[in-house]
């Protein structure tokens, strides 16, 4: 219900509009992620993964715009990147709390959070690009729900060299 002129009065340029839209969507994704403080670290990771994947599968166009836009005017500057990483910070906080409680062994929760996020993002991206065998991964949320426990357990029960605790 708006004219192009009305939109451009609110934004300096197309780039500012695109960045604003991306930041709004990153905030929407971050709000979709919630932690139950009663859950163990593995349960929390599992829950965040389900929430992340569910949001991405329910909003594929938004997800592609957020993570796959390469037009120069849609790239976020370093300050905006911090806002865009709010969801990653939720995962990092779970891992930091888990490390402090002795649930996991890591001296770098941020690096482990990045690895976990990259795995989730890879699953979504491959699914959206139709690069996964539909017989194996017809629904990434169900796939993750069925198979993540062993994956999470293996990540949380190794030291930083990869040796089992």
Foldseek 3Di string as FASTA:
>chain_A
DDDPVVVCVVPVDPLRVLQVLLLVVLVVLLVQQDADVVDALLVSLLRLLLSNQVVCVVCVVSLCSNPVDDPPSNDDDPVSVVSSCSSLVVQLVSQVVCVVVVVAAEPCSSVLSVVSVVVSSVLSVCVSVVVDDCVQPVDVSVNCNVPVSVVSVQSRQAHPVSHGD
